[in-house]
Amino acid sequence: MASEKKLILTLFIASFISLLIFISSIHVSSSSYKLYANVCRGRGHPPAFAYYIPGTCGDAERIFRLLLAVYHPRNRYLLHIGTDGDGDERRKLSVMVRSVPAVRAFGNIDVIGKPDATTFM
């Protein structure tokens, strides 16, 4: 009889601890999502990272794909197509960038309009 009571007590305690761990994990995951949803941006908040993404003639699509792969609202991005690319390619890149709603909302991407020579050294 005493061993049955110990078994039931042990099961009850284990179930209670499991329930507490489960509830706390739900609370932690929901609160971390809320922290991520409130991205601090603007003049008073520095960027987490600043990216300079250069390219040459014909690299507009590659630059855009790379931008989408690393994009985060808190970061800043500077896109550059060198002097061997033409103005139409720069405008095409600007249009592709502005077509993404998140980019328009945060306004943290700049495309260089007057190019410099691109060197990868």
PDB file of N, CA and C in Angstrom:
ATOM      1  N   MET A   1       0.815  -1.190   0.000  1.00  0.00           N
ATOM      2  CA  MET A   1       0.000   0.000   0.000  1.00  0.00           C
ATOM      3  C   MET A   1       0.864   1.263   0.000  1.00  0.00           C
ATOM      4  N   ALA A   2       1.910   1.290   0.802  1.00  0.00           N
ATOM      5  CA  ALA A   2       2.782   2.448   0.885  1.00  0.00           C
ATOM      6  C   ALA A   2       3.544   2.642  -0.413  1.00  0.00           C
ATOM      7  N   SER A   3       3.916   1.555  -1.077  1.00  0.00           N
ATOM      8  CA  SER A   3       4.649   1.675  -2.339  1.00  0.00           C
ATOM      9  C   SER A   3       3.751   2.227  -3.448  1.00  0.00           C
ATOM     10  N   GLU A   4       2.458   1.902  -3.422  1.00  0.00           N
ATOM     11  CA  GLU A   4       1.511   2.444  -4.401  1.00  0.00           C
ATOM     12  C   GLU A   4       1.339   3.954  -4.202  1.00  0.00           C
ATOM     13  N   LYS A   5       1.297   4.402  -2.973  1.00  0.00           N
ATOM     14  CA  LYS A   5       1.171   5.831  -2.686  1.00  0.00           C
ATOM     15  C   LYS A   5       2.410   6.581  -3.151  1.00  0.00           C
ATOM     16  N   LYS A   6       3.596   5.982  -2.947  1.00  0.00           N
ATOM     17  CA  LYS A   6       4.833   6.615  -3.408  1.00  0.00           C
ATOM     18  C   LYS A   6       4.844   6.721  -4.929  1.00  0.00           C
ATOM     19  N   LEU A   7       4.369   5.666  -5.604  1.00  0.00           N
ATOM     20  CA  LEU A   7       4.324   5.669  -7.069  1.00  0.00           C
ATOM     21  C   LEU A   7       3.365   6.741  -7.590  1.00  0.00           C
ATOM     22  N   ILE A   8       2.195   6.834  -6.981  1.00  0.00           N
ATOM     23  CA  ILE A   8       1.212   7.840  -7.399  1.00  0.00           C
ATOM     24  C   ILE A   8       1.740   9.249  -7.116  1.00  0.00           C
ATOM     25  N   LEU A   9       2.379   9.446  -5.978  1.00  0.00           N
ATOM     26  CA  LEU A   9       2.948  10.752  -5.642  1.00  0.00           C
ATOM     27  C   LEU A   9       4.063  11.127  -6.622  1.00  0.00           C
ATOM     28  N   THR A  10       4.913  10.165  -6.963  1.00  0.00           N
ATOM     29  CA  THR A  10       5.991  10.407  -7.913  1.00  0.00           C
ATOM     30  C   THR A  10       5.435  10.767  -9.291  1.00  0.00           C
ATOM     31  N   LEU A  11       4.416  10.051  -9.738  1.00  0.00           N
ATOM     32  CA  LEU A  11       3.767  10.345 -11.024  1.00  0.00           C
ATOM     33  C   LEU A  11       3.139  11.729 -11.019  1.00  0.00           C
ATOM     34  N   PHE A  12       2.477  12.089  -9.917  1.00  0.00           N
ATOM     35  CA  PHE A  12       1.855  13.400  -9.820  1.00  0.00           C
ATOM     36  C   PHE A  12       2.899  14.512  -9.874  1.00  0.00           C
ATOM     37  N   ILE A  13       3.989  14.347  -9.153  1.00  0.00           N
ATOM     38  CA  ILE A  13       5.043  15.368  -9.145  1.00  0.00           C
ATOM     39  C   ILE A  13       5.681  15.486 -10.531  1.00  0.00           C
ATOM     40  N   ALA A  14       5.959  14.364 -11.179  1.00  0.00           N
ATOM     41  CA  ALA A  14       6.561  14.389 -12.521  1.00  0.00           C
ATOM     42  C   ALA A  14       5.618  15.062 -13.520  1.00  0.00           C
ATOM     43  N   SER A  15       4.322  14.768 -13.429  1.00  0.00           N
ATOM     44  CA  SER A  15       3.348  15.403 -14.325  1.00  0.00           C
ATOM     45  C   SER A  15       3.266  16.899 -14.076  1.00  0.00           C
ATOM     46  N   PHE A  16       3.287  17.298 -12.827  1.00  0.00           N
ATOM     47  CA  PHE A  16       3.212  18.706 -12.488  1.00  0.00           C
ATOM     48  C   PHE A  16       4.437  19.465 -13.013  1.00  0.00           C
ATOM     49  N   ILE A  17       5.626  18.890 -12.831  1.00  0.00           N
ATOM     50  CA  ILE A  17       6.847  19.536 -13.316  1.00  0.00           C
ATOM     51  C   ILE A  17       6.832  19.620 -14.847  1.00  0.00           C
ATOM     52  N   SER A  18       6.383  18.572 -15.515  1.00  0.00           N
ATOM     53  CA  SER A  18       6.282  18.597 -16.985  1.00  0.00           C
ATOM     54  C   SER A  18       5.326  19.683 -17.454  1.00  0.00           C
ATOM     55  N   LEU A  19       4.220  19.829 -16.764  1.00  0.00           N
ATOM     56  CA  LEU A  19       3.250  20.865 -17.118  1.00  0.00           C
ATOM     57  C   LEU A  19       3.848  22.262 -16.924  1.00  0.00           C
ATOM     58  N   LEU A  20       4.584  22.475 -15.855  1.00  0.00           N
ATOM     59  CA  LEU A  20       5.226  23.769 -15.626  1.00  0.00           C
ATOM     60  C   LEU A  20       6.252  24.081 -16.719  1.00  0.00           C
ATOM     61  N   ILE A  21       7.044  23.102 -17.098  1.00  0.00           N
ATOM     62  CA  ILE A  21       8.040  23.306 -18.162  1.00  0.00           C
ATOM     63  C   ILE A  21       7.342  23.631 -19.480  1.00  0.00           C
ATOM     64  N   PHE A  22       6.279  22.934 -19.786  1.00  0.00           N
ATOM     65  CA  PHE A  22       5.536  23.183 -21.025  1.00  0.00           C
ATOM     66  C   PHE A  22       4.955  24.597 -21.048  1.00  0.00           C
ATOM     67  N   ILE A  23       4.335  25.007 -19.959  1.00  0.00           N
ATOM     68  CA  ILE A  23       3.735  26.352 -19.892  1.00  0.00           C
ATOM     69  C   ILE A  23       4.810  27.431 -19.989  1.00  0.00           C
ATOM     70  N   SER A  24       5.943  27.233 -19.326  1.00  0.00           N
ATOM     71  CA  SER A  24       7.001  28.242 -19.398  1.00  0.00           C
ATOM     72  C   SER A  24       7.611  28.314 -20.789  1.00  0.00           C
ATOM     73  N   SER A  25       7.704  27.191 -21.498  1.00  0.00           N
ATOM     74  CA  SER A  25       8.246  27.233 -22.863  1.00  0.00           C
ATOM     75  C   SER A  25       7.306  27.970 -23.806  1.00  0.00           C
ATOM     76  N   ILE A  26       6.017  27.819 -23.628  1.00  0.00           N
ATOM     77  CA  ILE A  26       5.054  28.566 -24.445  1.00  0.00           C
ATOM     78  C   ILE A  26       5.183  30.054 -24.170  1.00  0.00           C
ATOM     79  N   HIS A  27       5.320  30.438 -22.923  1.00  0.00           N
ATOM     80  CA  HIS A  27       5.432  31.850 -22.556  1.00  0.00           C
ATOM     81  C   HIS A  27       6.717  32.465 -23.106  1.00  0.00           C
ATOM     82  N   VAL A  28       7.827  31.747 -23.018  1.00  0.00           N
ATOM     83  CA  VAL A  28       9.106  32.261 -23.506  1.00  0.00           C
ATOM     84  C   VAL A  28       9.081  32.434 -25.012  1.00  0.00           C
ATOM     85  N   SER A  29       8.529  31.458 -25.752  1.00  0.00           N
ATOM     86  CA  SER A  29       8.511  31.578 -27.206  1.00  0.00           C
ATOM     87  C   SER A  29       7.595  32.702 -27.670  1.00  0.00           C
ATOM     88  N   SER A  30       6.467  32.917 -27.004  1.00  0.00           N
ATOM     89  CA  SER A  30       5.579  34.001 -27.418  1.00  0.00           C
ATOM     90  C   SER A  30       6.172  35.361 -27.073  1.00  0.00           C
ATOM     91  N   SER A  31       6.875  35.482 -25.949  1.00  0.00           N
ATOM     92  CA  SER A  31       7.462  36.773 -25.599  1.00  0.00           C
ATOM     93  C   SER A  31       8.651  37.088 -26.496  1.00  0.00           C
ATOM     94  N   SER A  32       9.427  36.094 -26.923  1.00  0.00           N
ATOM     95  CA  SER A  32      10.542  36.373 -27.830  1.00  0.00           C
ATOM     96  C   SER A  32      10.021  36.791 -29.193  1.00  0.00           C
ATOM     97  N   TYR A  33       8.864  36.266 -29.615  1.00  0.00           N
ATOM     98  CA  TYR A  33       8.272  36.708 -30.875  1.00  0.00           C
ATOM     99  C   TYR A  33       7.853  38.166 -30.784  1.00  0.00           C
ATOM    100  N   LYS A  34       7.302  38.566 -29.662  1.00  0.00           N
ATOM    101  CA  LYS A  34       6.892  39.957 -29.489  1.00  0.00           C
ATOM    102  C   LYS A  34       8.099  40.891 -29.536  1.00  0.00           C
ATOM    103  N   LEU A  35       9.226  40.465 -28.968  1.00  0.00           N
ATOM    104  CA  LEU A  35      10.431  41.285 -29.027  1.00  0.00           C
ATOM    105  C   LEU A  35      10.910  41.445 -30.457  1.00  0.00           C
ATOM    106  N   TYR A  36      10.834  40.378 -31.256  1.00  0.00           N
ATOM    107  CA  TYR A  36      11.277  40.453 -32.648  1.00  0.00           C
ATOM    108  C   TYR A  36      10.315  41.300 -33.477  1.00  0.00           C
ATOM    109  N   ALA A  37       9.036  41.278 -33.142  1.00  0.00           N
ATOM    110  CA  ALA A  37       8.055  42.030 -33.915  1.00  0.00           C
ATOM    111  C   ALA A  37       8.237  43.541 -33.735  1.00  0.00           C
ATOM    112  N   ASN A  38       8.758  43.983 -32.603  1.00  0.00           N
ATOM    113  CA  ASN A  38       8.976  45.398 -32.352  1.00  0.00           C
ATOM    114  C   ASN A  38      10.407  45.764 -32.719  1.00  0.00           C
ATOM    115  N   VAL A  39      10.674  45.899 -33.996  1.00  0.00           N
ATOM    116  CA  VAL A  39      12.024  46.226 -34.452  1.00  0.00           C
ATOM    117  C   VAL A  39      12.273  47.702 -34.210  1.00  0.00           C
ATOM    118  N   CYS A  40      13.322  48.008 -33.474  1.00  0.00           N
ATOM    119  CA  CYS A  40      13.679  49.395 -33.207  1.00  0.00           C
ATOM    120  C   CYS A  40      14.435  49.941 -34.405  1.00  0.00           C
ATOM    121  N   ARG A  41      13.934  51.001 -34.977  1.00  0.00           N
ATOM    122  CA  ARG A  41      14.597  51.590 -36.137  1.00  0.00           C
ATOM    123  C   ARG A  41      14.438  53.092 -36.064  1.00  0.00           C
ATOM    124  N   GLY A  42      15.232  53.774 -36.847  1.00  0.00           N
ATOM    125  CA  GLY A  42      15.145  55.223 -36.894  1.00  0.00           C
ATOM    126  C   GLY A  42      16.446  55.860 -36.425  1.00  0.00           C
ATOM    127  N   ARG A  43      16.421  57.163 -36.288  1.00  0.00           N
ATOM    128  CA  ARG A  43      17.634  57.918 -35.956  1.00  0.00           C
ATOM    129  C   ARG A  43      18.219  57.533 -34.601  1.00  0.00           C
ATOM    130  N   GLY A  44      17.419  57.217 -33.644  1.00  0.00           N
ATOM    131  CA  GLY A  44      17.915  56.903 -32.315  1.00  0.00           C
ATOM    132  C   GLY A  44      18.431  55.482 -32.156  1.00  0.00           C
ATOM    133  N   HIS A  45      18.223  54.633 -33.148  1.00  0.00           N
ATOM    134  CA  HIS A  45      18.613  53.232 -33.042  1.00  0.00           C
ATOM    135  C   HIS A  45      19.596  52.887 -34.158  1.00  0.00           C
ATOM    136  N   PRO A  46      20.820  52.514 -33.802  1.00  0.00           N
ATOM    137  CA  PRO A  46      21.818  52.197 -34.829  1.00  0.00           C
ATOM    138  C   PRO A  46      21.492  50.875 -35.519  1.00  0.00           C
ATOM    139  N   PRO A  47      21.979  50.688 -36.748  1.00  0.00           N
ATOM    140  CA  PRO A  47      21.739  49.422 -37.433  1.00  0.00           C
ATOM    141  C   PRO A  47      22.533  48.295 -36.780  1.00  0.00           C
ATOM    142  N   ALA A  48      22.021  47.086 -36.941  1.00  0.00           N
ATOM    143  CA  ALA A  48      22.737  45.925 -36.429  1.00  0.00           C
ATOM    144  C   ALA A  48      23.958  45.664 -37.306  1.00  0.00           C
ATOM    145  N   PHE A  49      23.778  45.686 -38.622  1.00  0.00           N
ATOM    146  CA  PHE A  49      24.861  45.509 -39.584  1.00  0.00           C
ATOM    147  C   PHE A  49      24.660  46.482 -40.734  1.00  0.00           C
ATOM    148  N   ALA A  50      25.743  46.842 -41.380  1.00  0.00           N
ATOM    149  CA  ALA A  50      25.681  47.652 -42.597  1.00  0.00           C
ATOM    150  C   ALA A  50      26.345  46.845 -43.708  1.00  0.00           C
ATOM    151  N   TYR A  51      25.626  46.664 -44.814  1.00  0.00           N
ATOM    152  CA  TYR A  51      26.121  45.869 -45.931  1.00  0.00           C
ATOM    153  C   TYR A  51      26.420  46.765 -47.123  1.00  0.00           C
ATOM    154  N   TYR A  52      27.543  46.513 -47.771  1.00  0.00           N
ATOM    155  CA  TYR A  52      27.881  47.120 -49.051  1.00  0.00           C
ATOM    156  C   TYR A  52      27.909  45.974 -50.055  1.00  0.00           C
ATOM    157  N   ILE A  53      26.985  46.010 -51.021  1.00  0.00           N
ATOM    158  CA  ILE A  53      26.881  44.921 -51.993  1.00  0.00           C
ATOM    159  C   ILE A  53      27.219  45.482 -53.366  1.00  0.00           C
ATOM    160  N   PRO A  54      28.445  45.220 -53.861  1.00  0.00           N
ATOM    161  CA  PRO A  54      28.845  45.731 -55.175  1.00  0.00           C
ATOM    162  C   PRO A  54      28.558  44.714 -56.275  1.00  0.00           C
ATOM    163  N   GLY A  55      28.518  45.213 -57.503  1.00  0.00           N
ATOM    164  CA  GLY A  55      28.352  44.355 -58.664  1.00  0.00           C
ATOM    165  C   GLY A  55      28.844  45.042 -59.908  1.00  0.00           C
ATOM    166  N   THR A  56      28.838  44.308 -60.996  1.00  0.00           N
ATOM    167  CA  THR A  56      29.272  44.848 -62.276  1.00  0.00           C
ATOM    168  C   THR A  56      28.133  44.711 -63.274  1.00  0.00           C
ATOM    169  N   CYS A  57      28.432  44.910 -64.531  1.00  0.00           N
ATOM    170  CA  CYS A  57      27.431  44.833 -65.586  1.00  0.00           C
ATOM    171  C   CYS A  57      26.743  43.463 -65.575  1.00  0.00           C
ATOM    172  N   GLY A  58      25.426  43.464 -65.563  1.00  0.00           N
ATOM    173  CA  GLY A  58      24.652  42.222 -65.590  1.00  0.00           C
ATOM    174  C   GLY A  58      24.418  41.587 -64.231  1.00  0.00           C
ATOM    175  N   ASP A  59      24.785  42.264 -63.147  1.00  0.00           N
ATOM    176  CA  ASP A  59      24.656  41.694 -61.807  1.00  0.00           C
ATOM    177  C   ASP A  59      23.429  42.179 -61.039  1.00  0.00           C
ATOM    178  N   ALA A  60      22.512  42.871 -61.657  1.00  0.00           N
ATOM    179  CA  ALA A  60      21.371  43.433 -60.919  1.00  0.00           C
ATOM    180  C   ALA A  60      20.537  42.338 -60.261  1.00  0.00           C
ATOM    181  N   GLU A  61      20.235  41.267 -60.991  1.00  0.00           N
ATOM    182  CA  GLU A  61      19.434  40.182 -60.405  1.00  0.00           C
ATOM    183  C   GLU A  61      20.185  39.474 -59.285  1.00  0.00           C
ATOM    184  N   ARG A  62      21.488  39.288 -59.459  1.00  0.00           N
ATOM    185  CA  ARG A  62      22.301  38.627 -58.431  1.00  0.00           C
ATOM    186  C   ARG A  62      22.341  39.476 -57.166  1.00  0.00           C
ATOM    187  N   ILE A  63      22.516  40.772 -57.324  1.00  0.00           N
ATOM    188  CA  ILE A  63      22.534  41.672 -56.169  1.00  0.00           C
ATOM    189  C   ILE A  63      21.190  41.637 -55.458  1.00  0.00           C
ATOM    190  N   PHE A  64      20.111  41.626 -56.207  1.00  0.00           N
ATOM    191  CA  PHE A  64      18.770  41.609 -55.619  1.00  0.00           C
ATOM    192  C   PHE A  64      18.522  40.302 -54.859  1.00  0.00           C
ATOM    193  N   ARG A  65      18.931  39.169 -55.422  1.00  0.00           N
ATOM    194  CA  ARG A  65      18.769  37.882 -54.726  1.00  0.00           C
ATOM    195  C   ARG A  65      19.585  37.852 -53.441  1.00  0.00           C
ATOM    196  N   LEU A  66      20.806  38.365 -53.506  1.00  0.00           N
ATOM    197  CA  LEU A  66      21.642  38.416 -52.306  1.00  0.00           C
ATOM    198  C   LEU A  66      21.023  39.328 -51.250  1.00  0.00           C
ATOM    199  N   LEU A  67      20.486  40.439 -51.685  1.00  0.00           N
ATOM    200  CA  LEU A  67      19.823  41.358 -50.762  1.00  0.00           C
ATOM    201  C   LEU A  67      18.662  40.672 -50.051  1.00  0.00           C
ATOM    202  N   LEU A  68      17.831  39.955 -50.794  1.00  0.00           N
ATOM    203  CA  LEU A  68      16.693  39.271 -50.178  1.00  0.00           C
ATOM    204  C   LEU A  68      17.150  38.165 -49.229  1.00  0.00           C
ATOM    205  N   ALA A  69      18.291  37.558 -49.517  1.00  0.00           N
ATOM    206  CA  ALA A  69      18.786  36.484 -48.657  1.00  0.00           C
ATOM    207  C   ALA A  69      19.283  37.006 -47.309  1.00  0.00           C
ATOM    208  N   VAL A  70      19.843  38.199 -47.274  1.00  0.00           N
ATOM    209  CA  VAL A  70      20.419  38.716 -46.025  1.00  0.00           C
ATOM    210  C   VAL A  70      19.576  39.826 -45.396  1.00  0.00           C
ATOM    211  N   TYR A  71      18.432  40.154 -45.962  1.00  0.00           N
ATOM    212  CA  TYR A  71      17.665  41.320 -45.518  1.00  0.00           C
ATOM    213  C   TYR A  71      17.129  41.156 -44.099  1.00  0.00           C
ATOM    214  N   HIS A  72      17.275  42.211 -43.323  1.00  0.00           N
ATOM    215  CA  HIS A  72      16.645  42.345 -42.009  1.00  0.00           C
ATOM    216  C   HIS A  72      16.313  43.820 -41.825  1.00  0.00           C
ATOM    217  N   PRO A  73      15.167  44.143 -41.262  1.00  0.00           N
ATOM    218  CA  PRO A  73      14.745  45.545 -41.156  1.00  0.00           C
ATOM    219  C   PRO A  73      15.687  46.436 -40.364  1.00  0.00           C
ATOM    220  N   ARG A  74      16.466  45.891 -39.455  1.00  0.00           N
ATOM    221  CA  ARG A  74      17.344  46.719 -38.628  1.00  0.00           C
ATOM    222  C   ARG A  74      18.664  47.038 -39.325  1.00  0.00           C
ATOM    223  N   ASN A  75      19.006  46.302 -40.380  1.00  0.00           N
ATOM    224  CA  ASN A  75      20.274  46.511 -41.083  1.00  0.00           C
ATOM    225  C   ASN A  75      20.152  47.634 -42.110  1.00  0.00           C
ATOM    226  N   ARG A  76      21.298  48.132 -42.560  1.00  0.00           N
ATOM    227  CA  ARG A  76      21.366  49.127 -43.639  1.00  0.00           C
ATOM    228  C   ARG A  76      22.087  48.496 -44.817  1.00  0.00           C
ATOM    229  N   TYR A  77      21.689  48.855 -46.042  1.00  0.00           N
ATOM    230  CA  TYR A  77      22.247  48.259 -47.247  1.00  0.00           C
ATOM    231  C   TYR A  77      22.593  49.349 -48.249  1.00  0.00           C
ATOM    232  N   LEU A  78      23.752  49.192 -48.893  1.00  0.00           N
ATOM    233  CA  LEU A  78      24.184  50.086 -49.957  1.00  0.00           C
ATOM    234  C   LEU A  78      24.512  49.219 -51.164  1.00  0.00           C
ATOM    235  N   LEU A  79      23.745  49.395 -52.238  1.00  0.00           N
ATOM    236  CA  LEU A  79      23.918  48.592 -53.452  1.00  0.00           C
ATOM    237  C   LEU A  79      24.641  49.424 -54.497  1.00  0.00           C
ATOM    238  N   HIS A  80      25.604  48.810 -55.182  1.00  0.00           N
ATOM    239  CA  HIS A  80      26.446  49.554 -56.114  1.00  0.00           C
ATOM    240  C   HIS A  80      26.718  48.716 -57.353  1.00  0.00           C
ATOM    241  N   ILE A  81      26.392  49.266 -58.518  1.00  0.00           N
ATOM    242  CA  ILE A  81      26.776  48.667 -59.798  1.00  0.00           C
ATOM    243  C   ILE A  81      27.837  49.588 -60.378  1.00  0.00           C
ATOM    244  N   GLY A  82      28.991  49.002 -60.710  1.00  0.00           N
ATOM    245  CA  GLY A  82      30.155  49.781 -61.139  1.00  0.00           C
ATOM    246  C   GLY A  82      29.938  50.524 -62.443  1.00  0.00           C
ATOM    247  N   THR A  83      31.001  51.205 -62.894  1.00  0.00           N
ATOM    248  CA  THR A  83      30.921  52.039 -64.095  1.00  0.00           C
ATOM    249  C   THR A  83      30.696  51.232 -65.365  1.00  0.00           C
ATOM    250  N   ASP A  84      31.001  49.931 -65.345  1.00  0.00           N
ATOM    251  CA  ASP A  84      30.758  49.133 -66.547  1.00  0.00           C
ATOM    252  C   ASP A  84      29.275  48.824 -66.745  1.00  0.00           C
ATOM    253  N   GLY A  85      28.444  48.984 -65.707  1.00  0.00           N
ATOM    254  CA  GLY A  85      26.995  48.848 -65.853  1.00  0.00           C
ATOM    255  C   GLY A  85      26.396  50.164 -66.306  1.00  0.00           C
ATOM    256  N   ASP A  86      25.236  50.096 -66.950  1.00  0.00           N
ATOM    257  CA  ASP A  86      24.618  51.329 -67.442  1.00  0.00           C
ATOM    258  C   ASP A  86      23.529  51.820 -66.484  1.00  0.00           C
ATOM    259  N   GLY A  87      23.025  52.996 -66.772  1.00  0.00           N
ATOM    260  CA  GLY A  87      21.998  53.606 -65.929  1.00  0.00           C
ATOM    261  C   GLY A  87      20.711  52.815 -65.904  1.00  0.00           C
ATOM    262  N   ASP A  88      20.379  52.125 -67.020  1.00  0.00           N
ATOM    263  CA  ASP A  88      19.165  51.314 -67.045  1.00  0.00           C
ATOM    264  C   ASP A  88      19.235  50.169 -66.042  1.00  0.00           C
ATOM    265  N   GLU A  89      20.422  49.606 -65.904  1.00  0.00           N
ATOM    266  CA  GLU A  89      20.573  48.509 -64.948  1.00  0.00           C
ATOM    267  C   GLU A  89      20.417  49.010 -63.514  1.00  0.00           C
ATOM    268  N   ARG A  90      20.931  50.190 -63.225  1.00  0.00           N
ATOM    269  CA  ARG A  90      20.758  50.770 -61.889  1.00  0.00           C
ATOM    270  C   ARG A  90      19.287  51.079 -61.604  1.00  0.00           C
ATOM    271  N   ARG A  91      18.600  51.625 -62.627  1.00  0.00           N
ATOM    272  CA  ARG A  91      17.168  51.887 -62.453  1.00  0.00           C
ATOM    273  C   ARG A  91      16.393  50.588 -62.268  1.00  0.00           C
ATOM    274  N   LYS A  92      16.771  49.555 -63.007  1.00  0.00           N
ATOM    275  CA  LYS A  92      16.118  48.247 -62.869  1.00  0.00           C
ATOM    276  C   LYS A  92      16.301  47.708 -61.451  1.00  0.00           C
ATOM    277  N   LEU A  93      17.519  47.843 -60.911  1.00  0.00           N
ATOM    278  CA  LEU A  93      17.779  47.398 -59.545  1.00  0.00           C
ATOM    279  C   LEU A  93      16.956  48.210 -58.548  1.00  0.00           C
ATOM    280  N   SER A  94      16.869  49.508 -58.755  1.00  0.00           N
ATOM    281  CA  SER A  94      16.065  50.356 -57.859  1.00  0.00           C
ATOM    282  C   SER A  94      14.597  49.968 -57.885  1.00  0.00           C
ATOM    283  N   VAL A  95      14.075  49.669 -59.062  1.00  0.00           N
ATOM    284  CA  VAL A  95      12.670  49.267 -59.190  1.00  0.00           C
ATOM    285  C   VAL A  95      12.437  47.932 -58.493  1.00  0.00           C
ATOM    286  N   MET A  96      13.364  46.985 -58.657  1.00  0.00           N
ATOM    287  CA  MET A  96      13.217  45.684 -57.993  1.00  0.00           C
ATOM    288  C   MET A  96      13.229  45.854 -56.478  1.00  0.00           C
ATOM    289  N   VAL A  97      14.103  46.717 -55.986  1.00  0.00           N
ATOM    290  CA  VAL A  97      14.199  46.935 -54.544  1.00  0.00           C
ATOM    291  C   VAL A  97      12.918  47.584 -54.022  1.00  0.00           C
ATOM    292  N   ARG A  98      12.405  48.571 -54.733  1.00  0.00           N
ATOM    293  CA  ARG A  98      11.181  49.256 -54.277  1.00  0.00           C
ATOM    294  C   ARG A  98       9.937  48.402 -54.428  1.00  0.00           C
ATOM    295  N   SER A  99      10.014  47.291 -55.166  1.00  0.00           N
ATOM    296  CA  SER A  99       8.843  46.434 -55.343  1.00  0.00           C
ATOM    297  C   SER A  99       8.573  45.560 -54.120  1.00  0.00           C
ATOM    298  N   VAL A 100       9.504  45.489 -53.184  1.00  0.00           N
ATOM    299  CA  VAL A 100       9.333  44.681 -51.972  1.00  0.00           C
ATOM    300  C   VAL A 100       8.693  45.552 -50.889  1.00  0.00           C
ATOM    301  N   PRO A 101       7.502  45.172 -50.390  1.00  0.00           N
ATOM    302  CA  PRO A 101       6.802  46.023 -49.413  1.00  0.00           C
ATOM    303  C   PRO A 101       7.595  46.277 -48.126  1.00  0.00           C
ATOM    304  N   ALA A 102       8.316  45.291 -47.626  1.00  0.00           N
ATOM    305  CA  ALA A 102       9.082  45.496 -46.386  1.00  0.00           C
ATOM    306  C   ALA A 102      10.177  46.526 -46.587  1.00  0.00           C
ATOM    307  N   VAL A 103      10.781  46.531 -47.754  1.00  0.00           N
ATOM    308  CA  VAL A 103      11.839  47.499 -48.041  1.00  0.00           C
ATOM    309  C   VAL A 103      11.263  48.907 -48.077  1.00  0.00           C
ATOM    310  N   ARG A 104      10.113  49.050 -48.700  1.00  0.00           N
ATOM    311  CA  ARG A 104       9.471  50.371 -48.743  1.00  0.00           C
ATOM    312  C   ARG A 104       9.093  50.827 -47.338  1.00  0.00           C
ATOM    313  N   ALA A 105       8.643  49.918 -46.497  1.00  0.00           N
ATOM    314  CA  ALA A 105       8.204  50.295 -45.155  1.00  0.00           C
ATOM    315  C   ALA A 105       9.367  50.754 -44.283  1.00  0.00           C
ATOM    316  N   PHE A 106      10.518  50.110 -44.380  1.00  0.00           N
ATOM    317  CA  PHE A 106      11.637  50.450 -43.509  1.00  0.00           C
ATOM    318  C   PHE A 106      12.589  51.451 -44.145  1.00  0.00           C
ATOM    319  N   GLY A 107      12.674  51.507 -45.464  1.00  0.00           N
ATOM    320  CA  GLY A 107      13.514  52.494 -46.141  1.00  0.00           C
ATOM    321  C   GLY A 107      14.983  52.431 -45.762  1.00  0.00           C
ATOM    322  N   ASN A 108      15.526  51.238 -45.673  1.00  0.00           N
ATOM    323  CA  ASN A 108      16.909  51.088 -45.224  1.00  0.00           C
ATOM    324  C   ASN A 108      17.854  50.611 -46.328  1.00  0.00           C
ATOM    325  N   ILE A 109      17.474  50.790 -47.602  1.00  0.00           N
ATOM    326  CA  ILE A 109      18.314  50.370 -48.722  1.00  0.00           C
ATOM    327  C   ILE A 109      18.538  51.563 -49.636  1.00  0.00           C
ATOM    328  N   ASP A 110      19.800  51.767 -50.016  1.00  0.00           N
ATOM    329  CA  ASP A 110      20.155  52.820 -50.957  1.00  0.00           C
ATOM    330  C   ASP A 110      20.875  52.196 -52.139  1.00  0.00           C
ATOM    331  N   VAL A 111      20.563  52.700 -53.349  1.00  0.00           N
ATOM    332  CA  VAL A 111      21.247  52.284 -54.570  1.00  0.00           C
ATOM    333  C   VAL A 111      22.060  53.478 -55.049  1.00  0.00           C
ATOM    334  N   ILE A 112      23.348  53.272 -55.276  1.00  0.00           N
ATOM    335  CA  ILE A 112      24.228  54.362 -55.713  1.00  0.00           C
ATOM    336  C   ILE A 112      23.870  54.733 -57.141  1.00  0.00           C
ATOM    337  N   GLY A 113      23.565  55.998 -57.367  1.00  0.00           N
ATOM    338  CA  GLY A 113      23.185  56.469 -58.698  1.00  0.00           C
ATOM    339  C   GLY A 113      24.375  56.860 -59.550  1.00  0.00           C
ATOM    340  N   LYS A 114      25.400  57.464 -58.955  1.00  0.00           N
ATOM    341  CA  LYS A 114      26.595  57.861 -59.691  1.00  0.00           C
ATOM    342  C   LYS A 114      27.702  56.874 -59.340  1.00  0.00           C
ATOM    343  N   PRO A 115      28.027  55.951 -60.247  1.00  0.00           N
ATOM    344  CA  PRO A 115      28.915  54.841 -59.889  1.00  0.00           C
ATOM    345  C   PRO A 115      30.392  55.209 -59.872  1.00  0.00           C
ATOM    346  N   ASP A 116      31.128  54.432 -59.134  1.00  0.00           N
ATOM    347  CA  ASP A 116      32.576  54.464 -59.132  1.00  0.00           C
ATOM    348  C   ASP A 116      33.063  53.173 -59.790  1.00  0.00           C
ATOM    349  N   ALA A 117      34.336  53.139 -60.128  1.00  0.00           N
ATOM    350  CA  ALA A 117      34.893  51.904 -60.671  1.00  0.00           C
ATOM    351  C   ALA A 117      34.864  50.830 -59.591  1.00  0.00           C
ATOM    352  N   THR A 118      34.453  49.621 -59.955  1.00  0.00           N
ATOM    353  CA  THR A 118      34.346  48.528 -59.008  1.00  0.00           C
ATOM    354  C   THR A 118      35.625  47.704 -59.044  1.00  0.00           C
ATOM    355  N   THR A 119      36.241  47.553 -57.887  1.00  0.00           N
ATOM    356  CA  THR A 119      37.375  46.641 -57.759  1.00  0.00           C
ATOM    357  C   THR A 119      37.078  45.686 -56.630  1.00  0.00           C
ATOM    358  N   PHE A 120      37.448  44.446 -56.803  1.00  0.00           N
ATOM    359  CA  PHE A 120      37.143  43.439 -55.793  1.00  0.00           C
ATOM    360  C   PHE A 120      38.361  43.118 -54.942  1.00  0.00           C
ATOM    361  N   MET A 121      39.244  44.087 -54.784  1.00  0.00           N
ATOM    362  CA  MET A 121      40.446  43.864 -53.979  1.00  0.00           C
ATOM    363  C   MET A 121      40.225  44.394 -52.575  1.00  0.00           C
TER     364      MET A 121
END
